[in-house]
PDB file of all heavy atoms in Angstrom:
ATOM      1  N   VAL A   1      99.353 101.330  81.169  1.00  0.00           N
ATOM      2  CA  VAL A   1      99.455 100.633  79.924  1.00  0.00           C
ATOM      3  C   VAL A   1     101.001 100.859  79.472  1.00  0.00           C
ATOM      4  O   VAL A   1     101.284 102.208  79.521  1.00  0.00           O
ATOM      5  CB  VAL A   1      98.497 101.189  78.858  1.00  0.00           C
ATOM      6  CG1 VAL A   1      98.707 100.364  77.543  1.00  0.00           C
ATOM      7  CG2 VAL A   1      97.082 100.934  79.320  1.00  0.00           C
ATOM      8  N   PHE A   2     101.692  99.931  79.141  1.00  0.00           N
ATOM      9  CA  PHE A   2     103.077 100.082  78.746  1.00  0.00           C
ATOM     10  C   PHE A   2     103.581  98.949  77.867  1.00  0.00           C
ATOM     11  O   PHE A   2     103.033  97.929  77.697  1.00  0.00           O
ATOM     12  CB  PHE A   2     103.935 100.160  80.106  1.00  0.00           C
ATOM     13  CG  PHE A   2     103.665  98.824  80.960  1.00  0.00           C
ATOM     14  CD1 PHE A   2     104.531  97.800  80.937  1.00  0.00           C
ATOM     15  CD2 PHE A   2     102.522  98.830  81.945  1.00  0.00           C
ATOM     16  CE1 PHE A   2     104.235  96.736  81.778  1.00  0.00           C
ATOM     17  CE2 PHE A   2     102.323  97.759  82.696  1.00  0.00           C
ATOM     18  CZ  PHE A   2     103.200  96.693  82.619  1.00  0.00           C
ATOM     19  N   SER A   3     104.716  99.284  77.262  1.00  0.00           N
ATOM     20  CA  SER A   3     105.443  98.280  76.527  1.00  0.00           C
ATOM     21  C   SER A   3     106.728  97.780  77.219  1.00  0.00           C
ATOM     22  O   SER A   3     107.310  98.674  77.944  1.00  0.00           O
ATOM     23  CB  SER A   3     105.860  98.890  75.133  1.00  0.00           C
ATOM     24  OG  SER A   3     104.641  99.100  74.333  1.00  0.00           O
ATOM     25  N   LEU A   4     106.955  96.579  77.032  1.00  0.00           N
ATOM     26  CA  LEU A   4     108.211  95.971  77.574  1.00  0.00           C
ATOM     27  C   LEU A   4     109.076  95.380  76.388  1.00  0.00           C
ATOM     28  O   LEU A   4     108.447  94.622  75.594  1.00  0.00           O
ATOM     29  CB  LEU A   4     107.942  94.846  78.566  1.00  0.00           C
ATOM     30  CG  LEU A   4     107.190  95.332  79.955  1.00  0.00           C
ATOM     31  CD1 LEU A   4     106.984  94.103  80.754  1.00  0.00           C
ATOM     32  CD2 LEU A   4     107.942  96.398  80.606  1.00  0.00           C
ATOM     33  N   SER A   5     110.368  95.627  76.574  1.00  0.00           N
ATOM     34  CA  SER A   5     111.151  95.025  75.535  1.00  0.00           C
ATOM     35  C   SER A   5     112.367  94.317  76.325  1.00  0.00           C
ATOM     36  O   SER A   5     113.340  94.859  76.626  1.00  0.00           O
ATOM     37  CB  SER A   5     111.906  96.186  74.637  1.00  0.00           C
ATOM     38  OG  SER A   5     111.002  96.761  73.880  1.00  0.00           O
ATOM     39  N   GLY A   6     112.073  93.150  76.634  1.00  0.00           N
ATOM     40  CA  GLY A   6     113.011  92.271  77.298  1.00  0.00           C
ATOM     41  C   GLY A   6     113.315  90.915  76.558  1.00  0.00           C
ATOM     42  O   GLY A   6     112.784  90.875  75.317  1.00  0.00           O
ATOM     43  N   GLU A   7     113.914  90.016  77.146  1.00  0.00           N
ATOM     44  CA  GLU A   7     114.094  88.736  76.502  1.00  0.00           C
ATOM     45  C   GLU A   7     112.871  87.892  76.457  1.00  0.00           C
ATOM     46  O   GLU A   7     112.563  87.178  75.575  1.00  0.00           O
ATOM     47  CB  GLU A   7     115.271  87.870  77.091  1.00  0.00           C
ATOM     48  CG  GLU A   7     116.603  88.607  76.786  1.00  0.00           C
ATOM     49  CD  GLU A   7     117.770  87.731  77.341  1.00  0.00           C
ATOM     50  OE1 GLU A   7     117.587  86.544  77.456  1.00  0.00           O
ATOM     51  OE2 GLU A   7     118.756  88.411  77.630  1.00  0.00           O
ATOM     52  N   LYS A   8     112.138  87.823  77.695  1.00  0.00           N
ATOM     53  CA  LYS A   8     110.892  87.062  77.725  1.00  0.00           C
ATOM     54  C   LYS A   8     109.720  87.923  77.673  1.00  0.00           C
ATOM     55  O   LYS A   8     108.609  87.392  77.084  1.00  0.00           O
ATOM     56  CB  LYS A   8     110.953  86.399  79.105  1.00  0.00           C
ATOM     57  CG  LYS A   8     112.029  85.376  79.336  1.00  0.00           C
ATOM     58  CD  LYS A   8     112.036  84.831  80.716  1.00  0.00           C
ATOM     59  CE  LYS A   8     113.282  83.981  80.860  1.00  0.00           C
ATOM     60  NZ  LYS A   8     113.485  83.419  82.117  1.00  0.00           N
ATOM     61  N   MET A   9     109.692  89.170  78.209  1.00  0.00           N
ATOM     62  CA  MET A   9     108.528  90.064  78.121  1.00  0.00           C
ATOM     63  C   MET A   9     108.687  90.993  77.107  1.00  0.00           C
ATOM     64  O   MET A   9     109.466  91.887  77.084  1.00  0.00           O
ATOM     65  CB  MET A   9     108.420  90.738  79.426  1.00  0.00           C
ATOM     66  CG  MET A   9     108.353  89.819  80.693  1.00  0.00           C
ATOM     67  SD  MET A   9     106.794  88.880  80.795  1.00  0.00           S
ATOM     68  CE  MET A   9     105.718  90.123  81.238  1.00  0.00           C
ATOM     69  N   LYS A  10     107.816  90.870  75.947  1.00  0.00           N
ATOM     70  CA  LYS A  10     107.829  91.636  74.702  1.00  0.00           C
ATOM     71  C   LYS A  10     106.447  92.010  74.411  1.00  0.00           C
ATOM     72  O   LYS A  10     105.517  91.184  74.426  1.00  0.00           O
ATOM     73  CB  LYS A  10     108.487  90.870  73.548  1.00  0.00           C
ATOM     74  CG  LYS A  10     109.921  90.560  73.924  1.00  0.00           C
ATOM     75  CD  LYS A  10     110.475  89.654  72.587  1.00  0.00           C
ATOM     76  CE  LYS A  10     111.695  88.887  73.071  1.00  0.00           C
ATOM     77  NZ  LYS A  10     112.902  89.171  72.547  1.00  0.00           N
ATOM     78  N   GLY A  11     106.267  93.391  74.186  1.00  0.00           N
ATOM     79  CA  GLY A  11     104.882  93.813  73.687  1.00  0.00           C
ATOM     80  C   GLY A  11     104.266  94.729  74.714  1.00  0.00           C
ATOM     81  O   GLY A  11     104.939  95.288  75.582  1.00  0.00           O
ATOM     82  N   LYS A  12     103.022  94.852  74.492  1.00  0.00           N
ATOM     83  CA  LYS A  12     102.165  95.777  75.350  1.00  0.00           C
ATOM     84  C   LYS A  12     101.595  95.045  76.479  1.00  0.00           C
ATOM     85  O   LYS A  12     101.024  93.854  76.328  1.00  0.00           O
ATOM     86  CB  LYS A  12     101.135  96.479  74.591  1.00  0.00           C
ATOM     87  CG  LYS A  12     101.658  97.473  73.561  1.00  0.00           C
ATOM     88  CD  LYS A  12     100.542  98.259  73.023  1.00  0.00           C
ATOM     89  CE  LYS A  12     101.090  99.207  72.028  1.00  0.00           C
ATOM     90  NZ  LYS A  12     100.145 100.260  71.448  1.00  0.00           N
ATOM     91  N   PHE A  13     101.596  95.664  77.683  1.00  0.00           N
ATOM     92  CA  PHE A  13     101.009  95.121  78.841  1.00  0.00           C
ATOM     93  C   PHE A  13     100.193  96.087  79.613  1.00  0.00           C
ATOM     94  O   PHE A  13     100.225  97.344  79.357  1.00  0.00           O
ATOM     95  CB  PHE A  13     102.197  94.521  79.834  1.00  0.00           C
ATOM     96  CG  PHE A  13     103.001  93.483  79.280  1.00  0.00           C
ATOM     97  CD1 PHE A  13     104.047  93.695  78.335  1.00  0.00           C
ATOM     98  CD2 PHE A  13     102.674  92.169  79.553  1.00  0.00           C
ATOM     99  CE1 PHE A  13     104.710  92.629  77.790  1.00  0.00           C
ATOM    100  CE2 PHE A  13     103.396  91.085  78.999  1.00  0.00           C
ATOM    101  CZ  PHE A  13     104.439  91.372  78.164  1.00  0.00           C
ATOM    102  N   VAL A  14      99.238  95.568  80.534  1.00  0.00           N
ATOM    103  CA  VAL A  14      98.398  96.390  81.252  1.00  0.00           C
ATOM    104  C   VAL A  14      98.408  96.056  82.722  1.00  0.00           C
ATOM    105  O   VAL A  14      98.344  94.758  83.063  1.00  0.00           O
ATOM    106  CB  VAL A  14      96.920  96.377  80.744  1.00  0.00           C
ATOM    107  CG1 VAL A  14      95.995  97.169  81.449  1.00  0.00           C
ATOM    108  CG2 VAL A  14      96.923  96.650  79.193  1.00  0.00           C
ATOM    109  N   LEU A  15      98.393  96.957  83.615  1.00  0.00           N
ATOM    110  CA  LEU A  15      98.150  96.722  85.047  1.00  0.00           C
ATOM    111  C   LEU A  15      96.869  97.445  85.349  1.00  0.00           C
ATOM    112  O   LEU A  15      96.830  98.781  85.045  1.00  0.00           O
ATOM    113  CB  LEU A  15      99.230  97.352  85.843  1.00  0.00           C
ATOM    114  CG  LEU A  15     100.515  96.438  86.036  1.00  0.00           C
ATOM    115  CD1 LEU A  15     101.625  97.271  86.525  1.00  0.00           C
ATOM    116  CD2 LEU A  15     100.201  95.336  87.027  1.00  0.00           C
ATOM    117  N   VAL A  16      95.909  96.905  85.853  1.00  0.00           N
ATOM    118  CA  VAL A  16      94.533  97.469  86.270  1.00  0.00           C
ATOM    119  C   VAL A  16      94.334  97.274  87.695  1.00  0.00           C
ATOM    120  O   VAL A  16      94.358  96.166  88.127  1.00  0.00           O
ATOM    121  CB  VAL A  16      93.416  96.899  85.340  1.00  0.00           C
ATOM    122  CG1 VAL A  16      92.161  97.633  85.765  1.00  0.00           C
ATOM    123  CG2 VAL A  16      93.742  97.148  83.950  1.00  0.00           C
ATOM    124  N   LYS A  17      94.070  98.410  88.450  1.00  0.00           N
ATOM    125  CA  LYS A  17      93.672  98.237  89.812  1.00  0.00           C
ATOM    126  C   LYS A  17      92.345  97.668  89.964  1.00  0.00           C
ATOM    127  O   LYS A  17      91.411  97.843  89.200  1.00  0.00           O
ATOM    128  CB  LYS A  17      93.657  99.734  90.429  1.00  0.00           C
ATOM    129  CG  LYS A  17      93.455  99.714  91.860  1.00  0.00           C
ATOM    130  CD  LYS A  17      94.714 100.214  92.581  1.00  0.00           C
ATOM    131  CE  LYS A  17      94.687 100.521  94.082  1.00  0.00           C
ATOM    132  NZ  LYS A  17      94.428  99.378  94.911  1.00  0.00           N
ATOM    133  N   THR A  18      92.319  96.765  90.979  1.00  0.00           N
ATOM    134  CA  THR A  18      91.059  96.013  91.204  1.00  0.00           C
ATOM    135  C   THR A  18      90.552  96.135  92.640  1.00  0.00           C
ATOM    136  O   THR A  18      91.256  96.752  93.524  1.00  0.00           O
ATOM    137  CB  THR A  18      91.131  94.372  90.966  1.00  0.00           C
ATOM    138  OG1 THR A  18      92.026  93.968  91.965  1.00  0.00           O
ATOM    139  CG2 THR A  18      91.922  94.196  89.574  1.00  0.00           C
ATOM    140  N   ASN A  19      89.360  95.593  92.848  1.00  0.00           N
ATOM    141  CA  ASN A  19      88.865  95.635  94.222  1.00  0.00           C
ATOM    142  C   ASN A  19      88.840  94.066  94.675  1.00  0.00           C
ATOM    143  O   ASN A  19      87.996  93.723  95.457  1.00  0.00           O
ATOM    144  CB  ASN A  19      87.481  96.192  94.313  1.00  0.00           C
ATOM    145  CG  ASN A  19      87.568  97.619  94.070  1.00  0.00           C
ATOM    146  OD1 ASN A  19      88.384  98.382  94.531  1.00  0.00           O
ATOM    147  ND2 ASN A  19      86.588  98.142  93.390  1.00  0.00           N
ATOM    148  N   PHE A  20      89.770  93.400  94.231  1.00  0.00           N
ATOM    149  CA  PHE A  20      89.776  91.910  94.490  1.00  0.00           C
ATOM    150  C   PHE A  20      90.106  91.693  95.944  1.00  0.00           C
ATOM    151  O   PHE A  20      91.166  92.111  96.559  1.00  0.00           O
ATOM    152  CB  PHE A  20      90.973  91.274  93.623  1.00  0.00           C
ATOM    153  CG  PHE A  20      90.991  89.728  93.757  1.00  0.00           C
ATOM    154  CD1 PHE A  20      90.101  88.968  93.266  1.00  0.00           C
ATOM    155  CD2 PHE A  20      91.912  89.147  94.522  1.00  0.00           C
ATOM    156  CE1 PHE A  20      90.135  87.497  93.356  1.00  0.00           C
ATOM    157  CE2 PHE A  20      92.136  87.812  94.672  1.00  0.00           C
ATOM    158  CZ  PHE A  20      91.210  86.990  94.143  1.00  0.00           C
ATOM    159  N   GLY A  21      89.267  90.899  96.621  1.00  0.00           N
ATOM    160  CA  GLY A  21      89.455  90.616  98.043  1.00  0.00           C
ATOM    161  C   GLY A  21      89.432  91.804  98.887  1.00  0.00           C
ATOM    162  O   GLY A  21      88.842  92.920  98.635  1.00  0.00           O
ATOM    163  N   LYS A  22      90.081  91.648 100.053  1.00  0.00           N
ATOM    164  CA  LYS A  22      90.159  92.805 101.022  1.00  0.00           C
ATOM    165  C   LYS A  22      91.342  93.780 100.730  1.00  0.00           C
ATOM    166  O   LYS A  22      91.430  94.758 101.368  1.00  0.00           O
ATOM    167  CB  LYS A  22      90.228  92.222 102.343  1.00  0.00           C
ATOM    168  CG  LYS A  22      88.931  91.494 102.732  1.00  0.00           C
ATOM    169  CD  LYS A  22      89.120  90.981 104.232  1.00  0.00           C
ATOM    170  CE  LYS A  22      87.794  90.193 104.478  1.00  0.00           C
ATOM    171  NZ  LYS A  22      87.924  89.674 105.884  1.00  0.00           N
ATOM    172  N   ALA A  23      92.342  93.248  99.827  1.00  0.00           N
ATOM    173  CA  ALA A  23      93.530  94.070  99.663  1.00  0.00           C
ATOM    174  C   ALA A  23      93.209  95.235  98.872  1.00  0.00           C
ATOM    175  O   ALA A  23      92.504  95.174  97.846  1.00  0.00           O
ATOM    176  CB  ALA A  23      94.582  93.107  98.920  1.00  0.00           C
ATOM    177  N   LYS A  24      93.723  96.401  99.238  1.00  0.00           N
ATOM    178  CA  LYS A  24      93.605  97.569  98.557  1.00  0.00           C
ATOM    179  C   LYS A  24      94.756  97.792  97.541  1.00  0.00           C
ATOM    180  O   LYS A  24      94.771  98.844  96.887  1.00  0.00           O
ATOM    181  CB  LYS A  24      93.554  98.857  99.448  1.00  0.00           C
ATOM    182  CG  LYS A  24      92.375  98.681 100.382  1.00  0.00           C
ATOM    183  CD  LYS A  24      92.230  99.867 101.297  1.00  0.00           C
ATOM    184  CE  LYS A  24      91.012  99.701 102.207  1.00  0.00           C
ATOM    185  NZ  LYS A  24      90.837 100.652 103.202  1.00  0.00           N
ATOM    186  N   ASN A  25      95.663  96.866  97.460  1.00  0.00           N
ATOM    187  CA  ASN A  25      96.810  97.081  96.600  1.00  0.00           C
ATOM    188  C   ASN A  25      96.739  95.980  95.452  1.00  0.00           C
ATOM    189  O   ASN A  25      97.831  95.588  94.936  1.00  0.00           O
ATOM    190  CB  ASN A  25      98.133  97.121  97.465  1.00  0.00           C
ATOM    191  CG  ASN A  25      98.293  95.758  98.322  1.00  0.00           C
ATOM    192  OD1 ASN A  25      97.228  94.995  98.382  1.00  0.00           O
ATOM    193  ND2 ASN A  25      99.330  95.589  98.863  1.00  0.00           N
ATOM    194  N   SER A  26      95.564  95.392  95.195  1.00  0.00           N
ATOM    195  CA  SER A  26      95.562  94.408  94.122  1.00  0.00           C
ATOM    196  C   SER A  26      95.359  94.973  92.758  1.00  0.00           C
ATOM    197  O   SER A  26      94.569  95.897  92.479  1.00  0.00           O
ATOM    198  CB  SER A  26      94.310  93.338  94.370  1.00  0.00           C
ATOM    199  OG  SER A  26      94.514  92.674  95.642  1.00  0.00           O
ATOM    200  N   TRP A  27      96.156  94.424  91.755  1.00  0.00           N
ATOM    201  CA  TRP A  27      96.124  94.865  90.386  1.00  0.00           C
ATOM    202  C   TRP A  27      95.876  93.448  89.583  1.00  0.00           C
ATOM    203  O   TRP A  27      96.254  92.437  90.147  1.00  0.00           O
ATOM    204  CB  TRP A  27      97.301  95.434  90.014  1.00  0.00           C
ATOM    205  CG  TRP A  27      97.575  96.827  90.690  1.00  0.00           C
ATOM    206  CD1 TRP A  27      97.746  97.106  91.998  1.00  0.00           C
ATOM    207  CD2 TRP A  27      97.518  98.077  90.081  1.00  0.00           C
ATOM    208  NE1 TRP A  27      98.004  98.394  92.296  1.00  0.00           N
ATOM    209  CE2 TRP A  27      97.839  99.058  91.187  1.00  0.00           C
ATOM    210  CE3 TRP A  27      97.435  98.528  88.754  1.00  0.00           C
ATOM    211  CZ2 TRP A  27      97.934 100.478  90.837  1.00  0.00           C
ATOM    212  CZ3 TRP A  27      97.325  99.944  88.600  1.00  0.00           C
ATOM    213  CH2 TRP A  27      97.635 100.835  89.612  1.00  0.00           C
ATOM    214  N   LEU A  28      95.470  93.638  88.364  1.00  0.00           N
ATOM    215  CA  LEU A  28      95.404  92.547  87.400  1.00  0.00           C
ATOM    216  C   LEU A  28      96.496  92.915  86.301  1.00  0.00           C
ATOM    217  O   LEU A  28      96.560  94.016  85.885  1.00  0.00           O
ATOM    218  CB  LEU A  28      94.179  92.477  86.817  1.00  0.00           C
ATOM    219  CG  LEU A  28      93.667  91.217  86.007  1.00  0.00           C
ATOM    220  CD1 LEU A  28      93.809  90.033  86.850  1.00  0.00           C
ATOM    221  CD2 LEU A  28      92.300  91.349  85.311  1.00  0.00           C
ATOM    222  N   PHE A  29      97.317  91.943  86.003  1.00  0.00           N
ATOM    223  CA  PHE A  29      98.484  92.097  85.063  1.00  0.00           C
ATOM    224  C   PHE A  29      98.341  91.215  83.882  1.00  0.00           C
ATOM    225  O   PHE A  29      98.140  90.022  84.150  1.00  0.00           O
ATOM    226  CB  PHE A  29      99.761  91.850  85.879  1.00  0.00           C
ATOM    227  CG  PHE A  29     101.102  91.926  85.084  1.00  0.00           C
ATOM    228  CD1 PHE A  29     101.186  93.001  84.179  1.00  0.00           C
ATOM    229  CD2 PHE A  29     101.984  91.093  85.168  1.00  0.00           C
ATOM    230  CE1 PHE A  29     102.353  93.093  83.356  1.00  0.00           C
ATOM    231  CE2 PHE A  29     103.221  91.203  84.490  1.00  0.00           C
ATOM    232  CZ  PHE A  29     103.395  92.226  83.597  1.00  0.00           C
ATOM    233  N   PHE A  30      98.296  91.710  82.688  1.00  0.00           N
ATOM    234  CA  PHE A  30      98.044  90.941  81.524  1.00  0.00           C
ATOM    235  C   PHE A  30      98.663  91.535  80.195  1.00  0.00           C
ATOM    236  O   PHE A  30      99.012  92.707  80.317  1.00  0.00           O
ATOM    237  CB  PHE A  30      96.716  90.570  81.261  1.00  0.00           C
ATOM    238  CG  PHE A  30      95.847  91.735  81.020  1.00  0.00           C
ATOM    239  CD1 PHE A  30      95.552  92.275  79.865  1.00  0.00           C
ATOM    240  CD2 PHE A  30      95.154  92.446  82.126  1.00  0.00           C
ATOM    241  CE1 PHE A  30      94.645  93.454  79.688  1.00  0.00           C
ATOM    242  CE2 PHE A  30      94.392  93.511  82.024  1.00  0.00           C
ATOM    243  CZ  PHE A  30      94.257  94.032  80.718  1.00  0.00           C
ATOM    244  N   LYS A  31      99.025  90.742  79.236  1.00  0.00           N
ATOM    245  CA  LYS A  31      99.543  91.126  78.013  1.00  0.00           C
ATOM    246  C   LYS A  31      98.354  91.633  77.176  1.00  0.00           C
ATOM    247  O   LYS A  31      97.382  90.890  77.073  1.00  0.00           O
ATOM    248  CB  LYS A  31     100.327  90.004  77.329  1.00  0.00           C
ATOM    249  CG  LYS A  31     101.039  90.491  76.098  1.00  0.00           C
ATOM    250  CD  LYS A  31     101.980  89.503  75.486  1.00  0.00           C
ATOM    251  CE  LYS A  31     102.657  90.132  74.328  1.00  0.00           C
ATOM    252  NZ  LYS A  31     103.674  89.145  73.806  1.00  0.00           N
ATOM    253  N   LYS A  32      98.523  92.802  76.519  1.00  0.00           N
ATOM    254  CA  LYS A  32      97.435  93.412  75.719  1.00  0.00           C
ATOM    255  C   LYS A  32      97.510  92.975  74.247  1.00  0.00           C
ATOM    256  O   LYS A  32      98.652  92.710  73.839  1.00  0.00           O
ATOM    257  CB  LYS A  32      97.528  94.933  75.783  1.00  0.00           C
ATOM    258  CG  LYS A  32      96.572  95.650  75.114  1.00  0.00           C
ATOM    259  CD  LYS A  32      96.665  97.142  75.284  1.00  0.00           C
ATOM    260  CE  LYS A  32      95.586  97.915  74.728  1.00  0.00           C
ATOM    261  NZ  LYS A  32      95.667  99.324  74.895  1.00  0.00           N
ATOM    262  N   LYS A  33      96.456  92.736  73.684  1.00  0.00           N
ATOM    263  CA  LYS A  33      96.385  92.346  72.162  1.00  0.00           C
ATOM    264  C   LYS A  33      97.113  93.620  71.435  1.00  0.00           C
ATOM    265  O   LYS A  33      96.813  94.688  71.654  1.00  0.00           O
ATOM    266  CB  LYS A  33      94.955  92.154  71.679  1.00  0.00           C
ATOM    267  CG  LYS A  33      94.368  90.905  72.156  1.00  0.00           C
ATOM    268  CD  LYS A  33      92.997  90.601  71.718  1.00  0.00           C
ATOM    269  CE  LYS A  33      92.445  89.393  72.223  1.00  0.00           C
ATOM    270  NZ  LYS A  33      91.110  89.053  71.750  1.00  0.00           N
TER     271      LYS A  33
END
């Protein structure tokens, strides 16, 4: 969980590790409320 301060990316974001598909390196990336 992290904050970004850029021109386009502003606010809190989350990366969550998933078991999506067969890949062991899949994450879900989204902006947090």
